[in-house]
């Protein structure tokens, strides 16, 4: 989406977004790219421009991250195959997850991924989901009464579609944040753990959790949250059994996943000062592809061309942070991760670095 630059908000919200998993960054970017409509009191539907990460309710941000990461965990092997070339990455997968599940005219099926794209399309046939904006009273910072909130605090404020600061953004279908075991699975995948192992371990967790949720729902319907429940009730015993099974599955999963945790994808960018008089770019290092795999991650830039640490780069072609196994870092403009890696570590004859993403070496 080269024409669209997500509003990353202030420094704090930019840093929070920059630290998200790549697939979550793409998912959130696509959610705002598709726009937010609001129906004014007179019935007119207006689009609110300028909304972005800084407007997200904390619960909505956690929910968006969780949805994207859960899709990655559940489809780890397929996504690994999709991103193997380096020309298609997890950020784009996050965008395509949003587009595909919500029926937009682009998605996994249109990226030239063949059977892999078809499999990912089939995997994300969830209920459609959307973001919605609620107007705020800027004096109190609270939503205006009557707009998806349950309070009646008197106010003279009115919705202002021309002031992006006067809105808070929520998920139409709230979701819980990531659990400890899901965080462990994420850390394992980011550490290049075997995708099949992570998927297998988490499938057991999902199965036992689904069984527990079903048993809990039956218990609630049967006793209507009554405190007077017979201890030998089959419904209660089944709920307790499935809870123990799920708890054991999560503990077993953590035993497998914790040793697979890798180092963070990249340390946060160091602060270089505010936007006033900020440094132009950042100093880069000479990379050593012989030390091991070289990785690349897109640097998020705000609408003014500043990264999360305050360095100025300007806008334009995607900026990539390319790192070798020893932590040496280079910053380059490129269309995708593979191009960035090849530019950062070319072979002497200029033909590229073989397969540096997998620890390739110069010929």
Protein backbone atom coordinates (compact mmCIF):
# COMPACT_ATOMS: atom_id res chain seq x y z
CA UNK A 1 0.00 0.00 0.00
CA UNK A 2 2.53 2.63 -1.08
CA UNK A 3 0.00 5.50 -1.20
CA UNK A 4 -1.18 4.92 2.37
CA UNK A 5 0.83 6.02 5.41
CA UNK A 6 -0.70 4.90 8.69
CA UNK A 7 -1.02 7.60 11.33
CA UNK A 8 1.24 6.24 14.08
CA UNK A 9 0.27 8.89 16.63
CA UNK A 10 2.71 10.22 19.19
CA UNK A 11 6.11 8.76 20.07
CA UNK A 12 4.66 6.35 22.63
CA UNK A 13 2.08 4.84 20.27
CA UNK A 14 4.66 4.69 17.44
CA UNK A 15 7.03 2.70 19.65
CA UNK A 16 4.22 0.38 20.70
CA UNK A 17 3.28 -0.26 17.08
CA UNK A 18 6.90 -0.71 15.99
CA UNK A 19 7.38 -3.41 18.64
CA UNK A 20 4.39 -5.48 17.47
CA UNK A 21 4.94 -8.71 15.52
CA UNK A 22 5.16 -8.06 11.79
CA UNK A 23 1.90 -9.84 11.04
CA UNK A 24 0.07 -7.66 13.59
CA UNK A 25 1.55 -4.47 12.14
CA UNK A 26 0.23 -5.39 8.69
CA UNK A 27 -3.17 -6.40 10.09
CA UNK A 28 -3.63 -3.07 11.87
CA UNK A 29 -2.39 -1.10 8.87
CA UNK A 30 -4.97 -2.76 6.63
CA UNK A 31 -7.73 -2.18 9.17
CA UNK A 32 -7.19 1.58 9.02
CA UNK A 33 -6.54 1.54 5.26
CA UNK A 34 -10.09 0.30 4.66
CA UNK A 35 -11.43 3.36 6.49
CA UNK A 36 -13.85 4.11 9.32
CA UNK A 37 -17.33 5.44 8.73
CA UNK A 38 -19.48 7.21 11.30
CA UNK A 39 -23.16 8.04 11.17
CA UNK A 40 -23.75 11.62 12.33
CA UNK A 41 -26.85 12.52 14.39
CA UNK A 42 -28.52 13.82 11.22
CA UNK A 43 -28.09 10.39 9.59
CA UNK A 44 -25.26 11.41 7.27
CA UNK A 45 -22.46 8.83 6.97
CA UNK A 46 -19.03 10.44 7.04
CA UNK A 47 -15.51 9.03 6.84
CA UNK A 48 -13.15 10.19 9.55
CA UNK A 49 -9.72 11.00 8.18
CA UNK A 50 -6.49 10.89 10.14
CA UNK A 51 -7.36 8.11 12.59
CA UNK A 52 -4.57 5.74 13.49
CA UNK A 53 -2.72 3.79 16.13
CA UNK A 54 -2.94 6.56 18.71
CA UNK A 55 -6.75 6.43 18.58
CA UNK A 56 -6.99 2.73 19.35
CA UNK A 57 -8.54 1.72 22.64
CA UNK A 58 -5.94 -0.42 24.50
CA UNK A 59 -8.26 -3.42 24.41
CA UNK A 60 -8.73 -3.04 20.66
CA UNK A 61 -4.96 -2.91 20.11
CA UNK A 62 -4.47 -6.07 22.17
CA UNK A 63 -7.32 -7.79 20.33
CA UNK A 64 -5.97 -6.92 16.88
CA UNK A 65 -2.52 -8.19 17.82
CA UNK A 66 -4.00 -11.41 19.22
CA UNK A 67 -6.10 -12.11 16.12
CA UNK A 68 -3.13 -11.74 13.80
CA UNK A 69 -0.75 -13.77 15.96
CA UNK A 70 -3.29 -16.56 16.47
CA UNK A 71 -3.66 -16.84 12.71
CA UNK A 72 0.14 -17.10 12.41
CA UNK A 73 0.34 -19.78 15.10
CA UNK A 74 -2.50 -21.82 13.59
CA UNK A 75 -1.03 -21.58 10.07
CA UNK A 76 2.67 -21.45 10.87
CA UNK A 77 3.77 -24.03 8.32
CA UNK A 78 1.76 -22.51 5.48
CA UNK A 79 2.98 -19.00 6.24
CA UNK A 80 6.54 -20.26 6.47
CA UNK A 81 6.19 -21.62 2.94
CA UNK A 82 4.58 -18.37 1.73
CA UNK A 83 7.40 -16.19 3.08
CA UNK A 84 10.29 -18.48 2.20
CA UNK A 85 11.34 -16.48 -0.87
CA UNK A 86 11.57 -13.18 1.02
CA UNK A 87 9.41 -11.46 -1.58
CA UNK A 88 6.22 -12.01 0.45
CA UNK A 89 6.48 -11.26 4.16
CA UNK A 90 4.47 -11.49 7.36
CA UNK A 91 3.44 -7.83 7.26
CA UNK A 92 1.80 -8.43 3.89
CA UNK A 93 0.25 -11.60 5.30
CA UNK A 94 -1.28 -9.51 8.08
CA UNK A 95 -2.78 -7.13 5.52
CA UNK A 96 -4.11 -10.02 3.48
CA UNK A 97 -5.65 -11.59 6.58
CA UNK A 98 -7.72 -8.43 7.14
CA UNK A 99 -8.61 -8.04 3.48
CA UNK A 100 -9.54 -11.69 2.96
CA UNK A 101 -11.60 -12.24 6.10
CA UNK A 102 -13.59 -9.08 5.38
CA UNK A 103 -14.27 -9.76 1.73
CA UNK A 104 -12.24 -6.98 0.14
CA UNK A 105 -11.12 -7.25 -3.47
CA UNK A 106 -7.58 -8.36 -2.64
CA UNK A 107 -6.12 -10.99 -0.36
CA UNK A 108 -4.11 -14.17 -0.10
CA UNK A 109 -5.70 -15.58 -3.22
CA UNK A 110 -4.37 -12.75 -5.41
CA UNK A 111 -0.67 -12.73 -4.50
CA UNK A 112 0.59 -15.36 -6.91
CA UNK A 113 1.08 -17.90 -4.11
CA UNK A 114 -0.80 -20.70 -5.87
CA UNK A 115 -1.99 -23.50 -3.58
CA UNK A 116 -0.42 -21.76 -0.58
CA UNK A 117 -2.56 -18.69 -1.19
CA UNK A 118 -5.64 -20.87 -1.56
CA UNK A 119 -4.87 -22.63 1.72
CA UNK A 120 -4.44 -19.33 3.56
CA UNK A 121 -7.66 -18.01 2.04
CA UNK A 122 -9.52 -21.07 3.28
CA UNK A 123 -7.91 -20.75 6.72
CA UNK A 124 -9.17 -17.22 7.36
CA UNK A 125 -12.87 -17.72 6.72
CA UNK A 126 -13.79 -16.08 10.01
CA UNK A 127 -16.71 -13.81 10.74
CA UNK A 128 -16.20 -10.36 9.30
CA UNK A 129 -14.82 -7.82 11.73
CA UNK A 130 -14.47 -4.08 11.65
CA UNK A 131 -13.23 -1.06 13.53
CA UNK A 132 -15.64 1.61 14.68
CA UNK A 133 -14.97 5.09 16.03
CA UNK A 134 -16.64 6.68 19.05
CA UNK A 135 -16.61 10.49 19.50
CA UNK A 136 -14.94 11.88 22.60
CA UNK A 137 -15.50 14.85 24.85
CA UNK A 138 -12.02 16.38 24.65
CA UNK A 139 -12.45 18.05 28.04
CA UNK A 140 -12.94 14.75 29.85
CA UNK A 141 -11.38 12.31 27.38
CA UNK A 142 -14.47 10.12 27.72
CA UNK A 143 -16.80 8.94 24.93
CA UNK A 144 -19.88 11.03 24.34
CA UNK A 145 -23.00 9.49 25.93
CA UNK A 146 -25.19 7.50 23.61
CA UNK A 147 -22.41 6.35 21.30
CA UNK A 148 -21.75 2.68 22.12
CA UNK A 149 -21.13 3.53 25.78
CA UNK A 150 -23.33 3.14 28.82
CA UNK A 151 -23.26 6.44 30.63
CA UNK A 152 -25.23 9.66 30.57
CA UNK A 153 -22.73 12.30 31.68
CA UNK A 154 -24.03 15.69 30.57
CA UNK A 155 -21.92 17.39 27.90
CA UNK A 156 -22.27 20.05 25.23
CA UNK A 157 -19.68 18.39 22.97
CA UNK A 158 -20.72 17.07 19.56
CA UNK A 159 -19.04 14.61 17.17
CA UNK A 160 -16.42 16.38 15.04
CA UNK A 161 -15.38 14.30 12.00
CA UNK A 162 -12.72 16.86 11.12
CA UNK A 163 -10.76 16.42 14.37
CA UNK A 164 -9.08 13.02 14.50
CA UNK A 165 -8.03 13.59 18.13
CA UNK A 166 -11.69 13.61 19.16
CA UNK A 167 -12.24 9.90 18.49
CA UNK A 168 -11.46 6.53 20.04
CA UNK A 169 -11.39 3.37 17.94
CA UNK A 170 -12.79 0.01 19.05
CA UNK A 171 -13.12 -3.49 17.59
CA UNK A 172 -16.61 -4.50 16.50
CA UNK A 173 -15.97 -7.98 17.95
CA UNK A 174 -13.73 -7.61 21.03
CA UNK A 175 -11.10 -10.27 21.54
CA UNK A 176 -8.90 -11.26 24.45
CA UNK A 177 -5.19 -10.49 24.44
CA UNK A 178 -2.57 -13.17 23.99
CA UNK A 179 -2.18 -15.73 26.77
CA UNK A 180 1.17 -16.75 28.25
CA UNK A 181 1.33 -19.89 26.13
CA UNK A 182 0.47 -17.91 22.98
CA UNK A 183 3.25 -15.44 23.82
CA UNK A 184 5.62 -18.38 24.16
CA UNK A 185 4.52 -19.72 20.77
CA UNK A 186 5.04 -16.29 19.23
CA UNK A 187 8.53 -16.02 20.71
CA UNK A 188 9.37 -19.47 19.34
CA UNK A 189 8.19 -18.58 15.84
CA UNK A 190 10.07 -15.28 15.92
CA UNK A 191 13.11 -17.28 16.97
CA UNK A 192 12.83 -19.45 13.83
CA UNK A 193 11.65 -22.51 15.73
CA UNK A 194 10.30 -25.39 13.66
CA UNK A 195 6.86 -24.24 12.53
CA UNK A 196 5.45 -27.77 12.52
CA UNK A 197 6.43 -28.27 16.16
CA UNK A 198 4.83 -25.01 17.27
CA UNK A 199 1.65 -25.72 15.31
CA UNK A 200 1.37 -29.25 16.71
CA UNK A 201 1.84 -28.14 20.31
CA UNK A 202 -0.67 -25.30 20.01
CA UNK A 203 -3.26 -27.50 18.29
CA UNK A 204 -3.46 -29.58 21.46
CA UNK A 205 -3.97 -26.41 23.50
CA UNK A 206 -6.74 -25.21 21.18
CA UNK A 207 -8.53 -28.56 21.30
CA UNK A 208 -8.55 -28.77 25.08
CA UNK A 209 -9.52 -25.10 25.40
CA UNK A 210 -12.47 -25.61 23.02
CA UNK A 211 -13.60 -28.61 25.08
CA UNK A 212 -13.37 -26.60 28.30
CA UNK A 213 -15.28 -23.63 26.83
CA UNK A 214 -18.05 -25.95 25.65
CA UNK A 215 -18.28 -27.60 29.07
CA UNK A 216 -18.26 -24.21 30.82
CA UNK A 217 -21.05 -22.93 28.59
CA UNK A 218 -23.15 -26.02 29.30
CA UNK A 219 -22.53 -25.59 33.03
CA UNK A 220 -23.63 -21.95 32.86
CA UNK A 221 -26.79 -22.77 30.91
CA UNK A 222 -27.64 -25.63 33.25
CA UNK A 223 -27.21 -23.83 36.55
CA UNK A 224 -27.49 -20.19 35.46
CA UNK A 225 -24.49 -19.21 37.62
CA UNK A 226 -26.20 -20.61 40.69
CA UNK A 227 -23.90 -21.12 43.65
CA UNK A 228 -25.89 -24.20 44.67
CA UNK A 229 -24.35 -26.82 42.38
CA UNK A 230 -24.23 -30.51 43.42
CA UNK A 231 -20.64 -31.67 43.70
CA UNK A 232 -21.46 -34.91 41.88
CA UNK A 233 -23.26 -33.16 39.01
CA UNK A 234 -22.07 -34.72 35.70
CA UNK A 235 -22.08 -31.25 34.11
CA UNK A 236 -19.89 -29.86 36.87
CA UNK A 237 -17.56 -32.86 36.81
CA UNK A 238 -17.13 -32.55 33.05
CA UNK A 239 -16.36 -28.85 33.35
CA UNK A 240 -13.75 -29.53 36.03
CA UNK A 241 -12.19 -32.36 34.00
CA UNK A 242 -11.86 -30.30 30.83
CA UNK A 243 -10.38 -27.44 32.85
CA UNK A 244 -7.69 -29.76 34.21
CA UNK A 245 -7.02 -31.14 30.72
CA UNK A 246 -6.61 -27.64 29.31
CA UNK A 247 -4.38 -26.54 32.16
CA UNK A 248 -2.15 -29.58 31.63
CA UNK A 249 -2.02 -28.98 27.87
CA UNK A 250 -0.89 -25.39 28.45
CA UNK A 251 1.78 -26.44 30.94
CA UNK A 252 3.02 -29.15 28.59
CA UNK A 253 3.09 -26.64 25.73
CA UNK A 254 5.15 -24.19 27.78
CA UNK A 255 7.63 -26.96 28.57
CA UNK A 256 8.15 -27.45 24.82
CA UNK A 257 7.99 -23.81 23.73
CA UNK A 258 10.07 -22.05 26.37
CA UNK A 259 13.40 -23.64 25.24
CA UNK A 260 12.55 -22.59 21.66
CA UNK A 261 12.32 -18.88 22.46
CA UNK A 262 14.66 -16.87 20.28
CA UNK A 263 16.15 -13.46 20.68
CA UNK A 264 13.84 -10.51 19.95
CA UNK A 265 13.38 -9.91 16.23
CA UNK A 266 15.19 -6.61 16.73
CA UNK A 267 15.95 -4.40 19.69
CA UNK A 268 13.97 -1.14 19.76
CA UNK A 269 15.62 1.64 17.79
CA UNK A 270 17.66 3.90 20.04
CA UNK A 271 16.23 7.36 20.68
CA UNK A 272 18.09 10.11 18.87
CA UNK A 273 16.08 13.08 20.05
CA UNK A 274 12.84 14.76 19.10
CA UNK A 275 11.70 15.66 15.64
CA UNK A 276 13.08 19.18 16.00
CA UNK A 277 16.68 18.93 14.84
CA UNK A 278 16.54 15.13 14.67
CA UNK A 279 19.43 13.16 13.22
CA UNK A 280 19.30 12.40 9.50
CA UNK A 281 19.15 8.61 9.31
CA UNK A 282 21.30 6.24 11.35
CA UNK A 283 24.81 4.92 11.06
CA UNK A 284 25.08 1.46 9.50
CA UNK A 285 27.57 -1.38 9.89
CA UNK A 286 29.27 -3.77 7.51
CA UNK A 287 27.43 -7.09 7.70
CA UNK A 288 29.02 -10.53 7.91
CA UNK A 289 26.86 -13.09 6.14
CA UNK A 290 29.31 -15.83 7.08
CA UNK A 291 28.29 -15.44 10.73
CA UNK A 292 24.86 -16.93 10.08
CA UNK A 293 21.47 -15.95 8.68
CA UNK A 294 20.87 -12.33 7.73
CA UNK A 295 17.43 -10.96 8.54
CA UNK A 296 15.50 -7.88 7.48
CA UNK A 297 12.60 -6.05 9.11
CA UNK A 298 10.76 -3.03 7.80
CA UNK A 299 11.30 0.19 9.76
CA UNK A 300 8.00 1.91 10.51
CA UNK A 301 8.04 5.58 9.54
CA UNK A 302 5.42 8.15 10.45
CA UNK A 303 3.86 10.53 7.95
CA UNK A 304 6.78 12.92 8.41
CA UNK A 305 9.39 10.26 7.68
CA UNK A 306 10.62 9.73 11.27
CA UNK A 307 11.29 6.30 12.78
CA UNK A 308 10.20 5.23 16.27
CA UNK A 309 13.45 6.53 17.78
CA UNK A 310 13.16 9.99 16.20
CA UNK A 311 15.65 9.66 13.33
CA UNK A 312 14.60 11.33 10.08
CA UNK A 313 14.55 9.34 6.82
CA UNK A 314 11.88 11.00 4.71
CA UNK A 315 9.09 9.11 2.98
CA UNK A 316 9.28 6.96 -0.14
CA UNK A 317 10.37 3.38 -0.75
CA UNK A 318 10.21 1.02 2.25
CA UNK A 319 13.12 1.32 4.68
CA UNK A 320 14.60 -1.93 6.01
CA UNK A 321 16.72 -2.73 9.03
CA UNK A 322 19.04 -5.55 7.95
CA UNK A 323 20.98 -7.46 10.62
CA UNK A 324 23.56 -10.24 10.63
CA UNK A 325 23.79 -12.97 13.26
CA UNK A 326 26.22 -10.87 15.35
CA UNK A 327 23.88 -7.88 15.51
CA UNK A 328 25.60 -5.64 12.96
CA UNK A 329 22.95 -3.47 11.31
CA UNK A 330 22.45 -1.74 7.98
CA UNK A 331 19.56 0.44 6.84
CA UNK A 332 18.49 0.30 3.20
CA UNK A 333 15.59 1.20 0.94
CA UNK A 334 14.11 -1.75 -0.97
CA UNK A 335 10.81 -3.21 -2.14
CA UNK A 336 11.06 -6.33 0.00
CA UNK A 337 13.23 -8.15 2.53
CA UNK A 338 15.13 -10.22 -0.02
CA UNK A 339 16.13 -7.17 -2.03
CA UNK A 340 17.24 -5.39 1.15
CA UNK A 341 19.38 -8.33 2.20
CA UNK A 342 21.00 -8.66 -1.21
CA UNK A 343 21.77 -4.94 -1.24
CA UNK A 344 23.25 -5.08 2.25
CA UNK A 345 25.47 -8.07 1.56
CA UNK A 346 26.28 -8.44 -2.15
CA UNK A 347 28.87 -10.88 -3.42
CA UNK A 348 31.95 -9.34 -5.03
CA UNK A 349 30.73 -9.82 -8.61
CA UNK A 350 27.47 -8.06 -7.79
CA UNK A 351 25.23 -11.05 -8.44
CA UNK A 352 23.80 -11.21 -4.95
CA UNK A 353 24.47 -13.20 -1.82
CA UNK A 354 23.17 -16.60 -2.75
CA UNK A 355 20.72 -17.32 0.02
CA UNK A 356 21.80 -15.10 2.94
CA UNK A 357 18.41 -15.48 4.59
CA UNK A 358 19.46 -19.04 5.35
CA UNK A 359 23.04 -18.31 6.22
CA UNK A 360 24.41 -18.46 2.68
CA UNK A 361 28.03 -17.54 2.13
CA UNK A 362 30.01 -15.87 -0.60
CA UNK A 363 31.14 -18.21 -3.34
